[in-house]
């Protein structure tokens, strides 16, 4: 029996960096030793990306179209593409022998295609045909231009899997963060710090860590206000909403070492030092900024990114979803210089979670 998990990898926006990143990630032979990957996208885009990768990086892979998971061969050097037939070669606006940025940005065509890739990969996972889903970047603007009014992957997954309680987890190496709220205004984010939601996210954080093999997760719960409100001087959310949620979680046996909200200006340094396995952040940027400061490394002398690392995982779903933690890179997409590290990290998390789910 082949115990390698089957990973469904969405191509992302066809005019973004997803096709190129996918080719680069699947050019690593060790990937095929650990999983069985299938790309959900369009053959024309993947063939273009493969030719660019060959021209710029010397990568030599073949693109093989399939129309069912059962047709995949999972052979190193041959990328199986579950082709949706939404993008034609004539839609791709540049010559792979002279790699240049596409320059298209967000389009309704790209948004529709990227959205349909996600819907298909969810369908394949819900039917049990694949073990985990891995997503490349899509454009929120583009999918809304196409008439699909979602604020991102997370909300699409929640809708199509009929999931009410979920949260985003960002991870880079041993730093992990989950969020009480994500894609809302900062003013609304403050209003969403309610004890019921904070407790739900603490529970999801605990379950998420256990899903990747951490038996007794150490959880920190960040405060919302400076210095956790200084006993109400700078806000009462810690007293009225966050502490009651922590007390209820402790009563359920969840391990929160501090037993109270942690000041947000020091909690991530402590997490990096091994004090915690995961941090519950109160809003989008509180969690995203420390992860990206750690995982995104720009080489100012050579003027390029040495690393664009980090993984976005949606917890609370009935299926596994891990994603790159960066955008579509429209400004450079198509030139052959995109960094595949975040996708490789996402695949690693997908493999780890799929194996843990199988008890391997």
Protein backbone atom coordinates (compact mmCIF):
# COMPACT_ATOMS: atom_id res chain seq x y z
CA UNK A 1 0.00 0.00 0.00
CA UNK A 2 1.21 3.51 -0.86
CA UNK A 3 0.86 5.58 2.32
CA UNK A 4 2.09 8.82 0.77
CA UNK A 5 -0.74 11.36 1.11
CA UNK A 6 -2.32 12.75 -2.05
CA UNK A 7 -2.00 16.54 -2.12
CA UNK A 8 -4.25 18.68 -4.31
CA UNK A 9 -2.39 21.91 -5.11
CA UNK A 10 -4.35 24.81 -6.57
CA UNK A 11 -2.48 26.80 -9.21
CA UNK A 12 -3.63 30.16 -7.83
CA UNK A 13 -4.35 33.13 -10.07
CA UNK A 14 -3.19 32.11 -13.56
CA UNK A 15 -1.61 35.53 -14.06
CA UNK A 16 0.15 35.49 -10.70
CA UNK A 17 3.18 33.63 -9.36
CA UNK A 18 1.39 30.35 -8.59
CA UNK A 19 2.16 28.40 -11.80
CA UNK A 20 5.88 29.21 -11.66
CA UNK A 21 6.15 28.52 -7.92
CA UNK A 22 4.38 25.20 -8.39
CA UNK A 23 6.79 24.10 -11.12
CA UNK A 24 9.76 25.00 -8.93
CA UNK A 25 8.39 23.23 -5.86
CA UNK A 26 7.60 20.04 -7.78
CA UNK A 27 11.05 20.00 -9.36
CA UNK A 28 12.31 18.70 -5.99
CA UNK A 29 12.54 14.90 -6.10
CA UNK A 30 12.14 14.60 -2.33
CA UNK A 31 8.58 15.94 -2.63
CA UNK A 32 7.55 12.78 -4.50
CA UNK A 33 9.18 10.62 -1.85
CA UNK A 34 6.87 12.14 0.79
CA UNK A 35 3.59 12.73 -1.06
CA UNK A 36 1.62 12.30 -4.29
CA UNK A 37 0.96 15.79 -5.72
CA UNK A 38 -1.71 16.84 -8.21
CA UNK A 39 -2.04 20.40 -9.49
CA UNK A 40 -5.56 21.79 -9.93
CA UNK A 41 -5.34 24.43 -12.65
CA UNK A 42 -4.82 24.78 -16.37
CA UNK A 43 -2.33 22.95 -18.58
CA UNK A 44 -1.63 26.00 -20.76
CA UNK A 45 -0.47 28.04 -17.74
CA UNK A 46 1.61 25.22 -16.30
CA UNK A 47 3.27 24.55 -19.67
CA UNK A 48 4.13 28.23 -19.98
CA UNK A 49 5.56 28.25 -16.43
CA UNK A 50 7.57 25.09 -17.15
CA UNK A 51 9.12 26.67 -20.25
CA UNK A 52 10.00 29.82 -18.29
CA UNK A 53 11.52 27.74 -15.47
CA UNK A 54 13.57 25.83 -18.02
CA UNK A 55 14.79 29.07 -19.59
CA UNK A 56 15.59 30.90 -16.35
CA UNK A 57 16.47 28.15 -13.87
CA UNK A 58 17.32 25.09 -15.97
CA UNK A 59 14.40 23.13 -14.52
CA UNK A 60 13.21 20.34 -16.80
CA UNK A 61 9.73 18.96 -16.10
CA UNK A 62 6.88 17.67 -18.25
CA UNK A 63 3.26 18.75 -17.79
CA UNK A 64 0.74 15.91 -18.04
CA UNK A 65 -2.99 16.71 -18.27
CA UNK A 66 -5.47 14.57 -16.36
CA UNK A 67 -9.21 14.88 -15.78
CA UNK A 68 -9.59 12.55 -12.80
CA UNK A 69 -7.47 11.81 -9.73
CA UNK A 70 -7.37 8.16 -10.79
CA UNK A 71 -5.40 9.14 -13.92
CA UNK A 72 -2.45 10.60 -11.97
CA UNK A 73 0.89 8.75 -12.05
CA UNK A 74 2.82 10.77 -9.42
CA UNK A 75 6.06 10.37 -11.33
CA UNK A 76 8.97 12.67 -10.54
CA UNK A 77 9.73 14.88 -13.54
CA UNK A 78 6.11 14.75 -14.73
CA UNK A 79 3.60 17.12 -13.11
CA UNK A 80 0.03 15.79 -13.13
CA UNK A 81 -2.35 18.71 -13.82
CA UNK A 82 -6.08 18.27 -13.25
CA UNK A 83 -6.92 20.63 -16.08
CA UNK A 84 -9.98 22.83 -15.70
CA UNK A 85 -9.72 24.16 -19.28
CA UNK A 86 -10.45 27.75 -18.24
CA UNK A 87 -7.33 29.50 -19.56
CA UNK A 88 -6.04 29.12 -23.13
CA UNK A 89 -2.49 29.63 -24.34
CA UNK A 90 -3.65 32.76 -26.17
CA UNK A 91 -4.72 34.29 -22.83
CA UNK A 92 -1.10 34.31 -21.63
CA UNK A 93 0.41 37.60 -22.79
CA UNK A 94 4.13 36.87 -23.14
CA UNK A 95 6.68 34.61 -24.82
CA UNK A 96 8.26 32.01 -22.48
CA UNK A 97 11.51 32.30 -24.45
CA UNK A 98 11.71 35.94 -23.33
CA UNK A 99 10.38 35.84 -19.75
CA UNK A 100 8.74 39.09 -18.71
CA UNK A 101 6.14 40.00 -16.08
CA UNK A 102 2.61 39.39 -17.35
CA UNK A 103 1.61 42.90 -16.34
CA UNK A 104 -2.10 42.05 -16.24
CA UNK A 105 -2.78 42.43 -12.51
CA UNK A 106 -6.22 41.52 -11.22
CA UNK A 107 -8.66 40.42 -13.94
CA UNK A 108 -12.11 38.86 -13.93
CA UNK A 109 -10.76 36.00 -16.07
CA UNK A 110 -7.98 35.22 -13.61
CA UNK A 111 -10.31 35.60 -10.64
CA UNK A 112 -12.90 33.21 -12.10
CA UNK A 113 -10.25 30.60 -12.87
CA UNK A 114 -8.59 30.85 -9.45
CA UNK A 115 -11.97 30.57 -7.73
CA UNK A 116 -12.95 27.46 -9.69
CA UNK A 117 -9.63 25.77 -8.88
CA UNK A 118 -10.39 26.23 -5.17
CA UNK A 119 -13.95 24.94 -5.49
CA UNK A 120 -12.66 21.83 -7.30
CA UNK A 121 -9.93 21.04 -4.77
CA UNK A 122 -12.47 21.36 -1.92
CA UNK A 123 -14.80 19.01 -3.80
CA UNK A 124 -12.01 16.45 -4.26
CA UNK A 125 -11.07 16.61 -0.57
CA UNK A 126 -14.67 16.40 0.67
CA UNK A 127 -15.21 13.31 -1.48
CA UNK A 128 -12.09 11.66 -0.04
CA UNK A 129 -10.20 11.55 -3.35
CA UNK A 130 -7.30 13.57 -1.95
CA UNK A 131 -5.86 13.78 1.57
CA UNK A 132 -4.98 17.47 1.84
CA UNK A 133 -5.42 20.71 -0.08
CA UNK A 134 -2.61 23.21 -0.69
CA UNK A 135 -3.41 26.63 -2.12
CA UNK A 136 -1.34 29.10 -4.10
CA UNK A 137 -2.23 32.79 -3.91
CA UNK A 138 -5.35 34.27 -5.43
CA UNK A 139 -6.40 37.91 -5.70
CA UNK A 140 -9.33 39.00 -3.57
CA UNK A 141 -9.91 41.84 -6.02
CA UNK A 142 -9.93 39.47 -8.99
CA UNK A 143 -12.38 36.95 -7.53
CA UNK A 144 -14.72 39.81 -6.60
CA UNK A 145 -14.41 41.18 -10.15
CA UNK A 146 -15.57 37.74 -11.28
CA UNK A 147 -18.65 38.00 -9.07
CA UNK A 148 -17.53 35.83 -6.14
CA UNK A 149 -17.81 38.03 -3.08
CA UNK A 150 -15.41 36.49 -0.61
CA UNK A 151 -12.59 38.16 1.30
CA UNK A 152 -10.19 35.26 0.75
CA UNK A 153 -9.51 31.53 0.70
CA UNK A 154 -10.54 31.03 4.32
CA UNK A 155 -14.08 32.26 3.75
CA UNK A 156 -14.46 30.19 0.55
CA UNK A 157 -13.40 27.05 2.41
CA UNK A 158 -15.74 27.79 5.32
CA UNK A 159 -18.68 28.30 2.95
CA UNK A 160 -18.09 25.26 0.74
CA UNK A 161 -17.40 22.94 3.69
CA UNK A 162 -20.32 24.36 5.73
CA UNK A 163 -18.02 25.25 8.63
CA UNK A 164 -19.16 27.82 11.21
CA UNK A 165 -16.22 27.86 13.63
CA UNK A 166 -12.80 28.22 12.05
CA UNK A 167 -9.69 30.35 12.19
CA UNK A 168 -6.50 31.07 10.29
CA UNK A 169 -3.20 29.75 11.66
CA UNK A 170 0.07 31.20 10.40
CA UNK A 171 3.22 29.17 10.95
CA UNK A 172 6.92 29.65 10.32
CA UNK A 173 9.17 26.99 11.81
CA UNK A 174 8.11 26.82 15.50
CA UNK A 175 6.26 30.16 15.57
CA UNK A 176 2.49 29.67 15.19
CA UNK A 177 -0.33 32.20 15.42
CA UNK A 178 -4.13 31.95 15.22
CA UNK A 179 -6.53 34.89 14.95
CA UNK A 180 -9.77 35.93 16.58
CA UNK A 181 -10.52 38.00 13.45
CA UNK A 182 -8.78 38.50 10.12
CA UNK A 183 -10.15 40.32 7.08
CA UNK A 184 -12.14 43.12 8.70
CA UNK A 185 -11.37 46.74 9.55
CA UNK A 186 -9.37 47.41 12.70
CA UNK A 187 -12.39 49.14 14.22
CA UNK A 188 -14.55 46.06 13.60
CA UNK A 189 -11.77 43.75 14.78
CA UNK A 190 -11.89 45.37 18.22
CA UNK A 191 -15.65 44.84 18.36
CA UNK A 192 -15.18 41.15 17.53
CA UNK A 193 -13.13 40.43 20.66
CA UNK A 194 -15.88 38.60 22.53
CA UNK A 195 -15.38 35.83 25.07
CA UNK A 196 -17.31 33.25 23.02
CA UNK A 197 -15.14 33.83 19.94
CA UNK A 198 -11.90 33.99 21.96
CA UNK A 199 -12.78 30.67 23.61
CA UNK A 200 -13.58 29.08 20.25
CA UNK A 201 -10.20 30.16 18.87
CA UNK A 202 -8.34 28.88 21.96
CA UNK A 203 -10.04 25.50 21.49
CA UNK A 204 -9.21 25.45 17.76
CA UNK A 205 -5.59 26.38 18.52
CA UNK A 206 -5.32 23.50 20.98
CA UNK A 207 -6.83 21.03 18.49
CA UNK A 208 -4.66 22.39 15.64
CA UNK A 209 -1.44 21.84 17.56
CA UNK A 210 -2.52 18.33 18.48
CA UNK A 211 -3.27 17.69 14.78
CA UNK A 212 0.42 18.21 13.99
CA UNK A 213 1.60 15.97 16.82
CA UNK A 214 2.01 18.33 19.82
CA UNK A 215 0.49 16.32 22.67
CA UNK A 216 0.05 19.10 25.24
CA UNK A 217 0.14 22.47 23.46
CA UNK A 218 1.33 25.51 25.41
CA UNK A 219 -0.99 28.37 24.42
CA UNK A 220 -0.53 32.11 24.88
CA UNK A 221 -3.50 34.45 24.51
CA UNK A 222 -2.46 37.95 23.47
CA UNK A 223 -4.17 40.99 24.90
CA UNK A 224 -5.88 43.51 22.65
CA UNK A 225 -4.75 46.75 24.28
CA UNK A 226 -1.28 48.10 25.17
CA UNK A 227 0.02 46.36 28.31
CA UNK A 228 -3.19 44.29 28.30
CA UNK A 229 -5.16 47.38 29.26
CA UNK A 230 -3.32 48.16 32.54
CA UNK A 231 -6.24 46.94 34.68
CA UNK A 232 -8.77 48.89 32.63
CA UNK A 233 -6.85 52.15 32.12
CA UNK A 234 -6.41 51.54 28.37
CA UNK A 235 -9.49 49.41 27.69
CA UNK A 236 -11.56 46.74 29.40
CA UNK A 237 -11.57 43.96 26.76
CA UNK A 238 -8.99 41.94 28.69
CA UNK A 239 -11.11 42.08 31.87
CA UNK A 240 -14.55 41.59 30.34
CA UNK A 241 -13.92 39.32 27.34
CA UNK A 242 -10.44 37.75 27.16
CA UNK A 243 -9.88 36.69 30.78
CA UNK A 244 -13.32 34.98 31.06
CA UNK A 245 -12.50 33.00 27.88
CA UNK A 246 -9.13 31.97 29.33
CA UNK A 247 -10.79 30.88 32.59
CA UNK A 248 -13.25 28.69 30.69
CA UNK A 249 -10.47 27.15 28.59
CA UNK A 250 -8.41 26.40 31.71
CA UNK A 251 -11.46 24.71 33.24
CA UNK A 252 -11.59 22.45 30.16
CA UNK A 253 -7.99 21.37 30.72
CA UNK A 254 -6.39 23.49 27.98
CA UNK A 255 -2.85 24.50 28.97
CA UNK A 256 -2.39 28.28 29.07
CA UNK A 257 0.78 28.72 31.15
CA UNK A 258 0.23 32.42 31.97
CA UNK A 259 -3.42 31.88 32.98
CA UNK A 260 -4.10 35.45 31.81
CA UNK A 261 -3.72 37.60 28.67
CA UNK A 262 -0.12 38.12 27.54
CA UNK A 263 1.12 41.61 26.57
CA UNK A 264 1.18 41.62 22.75
CA UNK A 265 4.49 43.50 22.55
CA UNK A 266 6.43 40.63 24.17
CA UNK A 267 4.36 37.49 23.55
CA UNK A 268 5.90 36.70 20.15
CA UNK A 269 9.47 37.00 21.43
CA UNK A 270 8.56 34.54 24.16
CA UNK A 271 6.99 32.21 21.61
CA UNK A 272 10.21 32.29 19.56
CA UNK A 273 12.03 31.40 22.77
CA UNK A 274 9.95 28.27 23.21
CA UNK A 275 7.60 29.48 25.93
CA UNK A 276 4.55 28.70 23.80
CA UNK A 277 3.59 26.42 20.91
CA UNK A 278 1.00 28.85 19.58
CA UNK A 279 -0.26 32.39 20.16
CA UNK A 280 -3.90 33.46 19.95
CA UNK A 281 -3.81 36.93 18.34
CA UNK A 282 -6.76 39.28 18.55
CA UNK A 283 -6.68 40.61 14.97
CA UNK A 284 -5.04 40.22 11.54
CA UNK A 285 -1.94 42.40 11.75
CA UNK A 286 -1.20 41.56 15.37
CA UNK A 287 -0.48 38.02 14.19
CA UNK A 288 0.70 38.60 10.62
CA UNK A 289 3.39 41.20 11.26
CA UNK A 290 5.63 39.10 13.56
CA UNK A 291 5.30 36.06 11.28
CA UNK A 292 6.29 38.01 8.20
CA UNK A 293 9.13 39.87 9.92
CA UNK A 294 10.48 36.43 10.78
CA UNK A 295 9.76 34.62 7.51
CA UNK A 296 10.17 37.27 4.80
CA UNK A 297 13.83 38.19 4.26
CA UNK A 298 14.76 40.88 1.72
CA UNK A 299 18.34 41.15 0.47
CA UNK A 300 18.80 44.90 0.15
CA UNK A 301 22.24 44.62 -1.48
CA UNK A 302 21.08 42.28 -4.24
CA UNK A 303 17.52 43.70 -4.23
CA UNK A 304 15.57 40.46 -4.12
CA UNK A 305 13.82 38.24 -1.58
CA UNK A 306 16.12 35.61 -0.08
CA UNK A 307 13.14 34.01 1.63
CA UNK A 308 9.37 34.30 1.45
CA UNK A 309 8.55 31.67 4.04
CA UNK A 310 5.53 30.86 6.16
CA UNK A 311 2.35 28.84 5.93
CA UNK A 312 -1.31 29.77 6.25
CA UNK A 313 -3.47 26.92 7.62
CA UNK A 314 -7.22 27.01 8.14
CA UNK A 315 -8.15 25.21 11.36
CA UNK A 316 -11.60 23.91 12.22
CA UNK A 317 -12.41 22.56 8.74
CA UNK A 318 -13.38 18.94 8.01
CA UNK A 319 -10.54 18.85 5.44
CA UNK A 320 -6.88 19.88 5.55
CA UNK A 321 -5.94 23.21 4.00
CA UNK A 322 -2.47 24.78 4.02
CA UNK A 323 -1.46 27.72 1.87
CA UNK A 324 1.38 30.00 0.89
CA UNK A 325 1.63 33.06 3.10
CA UNK A 326 2.14 35.64 0.35
CA UNK A 327 0.21 37.29 -2.43
CA UNK A 328 0.04 36.82 -6.19
CA UNK A 329 3.08 39.00 -6.91
CA UNK A 330 1.43 40.45 -10.02
CA UNK A 331 4.26 42.94 -10.49
CA UNK A 332 6.84 40.20 -11.11
CA UNK A 333 4.71 37.18 -12.06
CA UNK A 334 5.95 35.55 -15.25
CA UNK A 335 9.58 36.64 -15.12
CA UNK A 336 10.92 33.35 -13.70
CA UNK A 337 12.22 34.67 -10.38
CA UNK A 338 9.44 33.81 -7.89
CA UNK A 339 10.43 32.09 -4.64
CA UNK A 340 8.86 28.67 -3.96
CA UNK A 341 9.83 28.34 -0.29
CA UNK A 342 6.41 29.20 1.15
CA UNK A 343 4.69 26.62 -1.09
CA UNK A 344 7.23 23.98 -0.07
CA UNK A 345 6.55 24.82 3.59
CA UNK A 346 2.79 24.59 3.00
CA UNK A 347 3.20 21.18 1.39
CA UNK A 348 5.28 20.03 4.36
CA UNK A 349 2.49 21.05 6.74
CA UNK A 350 -0.13 19.36 4.56
CA UNK A 351 1.90 16.15 4.57
CA UNK A 352 2.42 16.34 8.33
CA UNK A 353 -1.28 16.89 9.05
CA UNK A 354 -2.42 14.21 6.60
CA UNK A 355 -0.06 11.66 8.12
CA UNK A 356 -1.18 12.58 11.66
CA UNK A 357 -4.83 12.20 10.61
CA UNK A 358 -4.03 8.70 9.29
CA UNK A 359 -2.12 7.85 12.45
CA UNK A 360 1.18 7.48 10.58
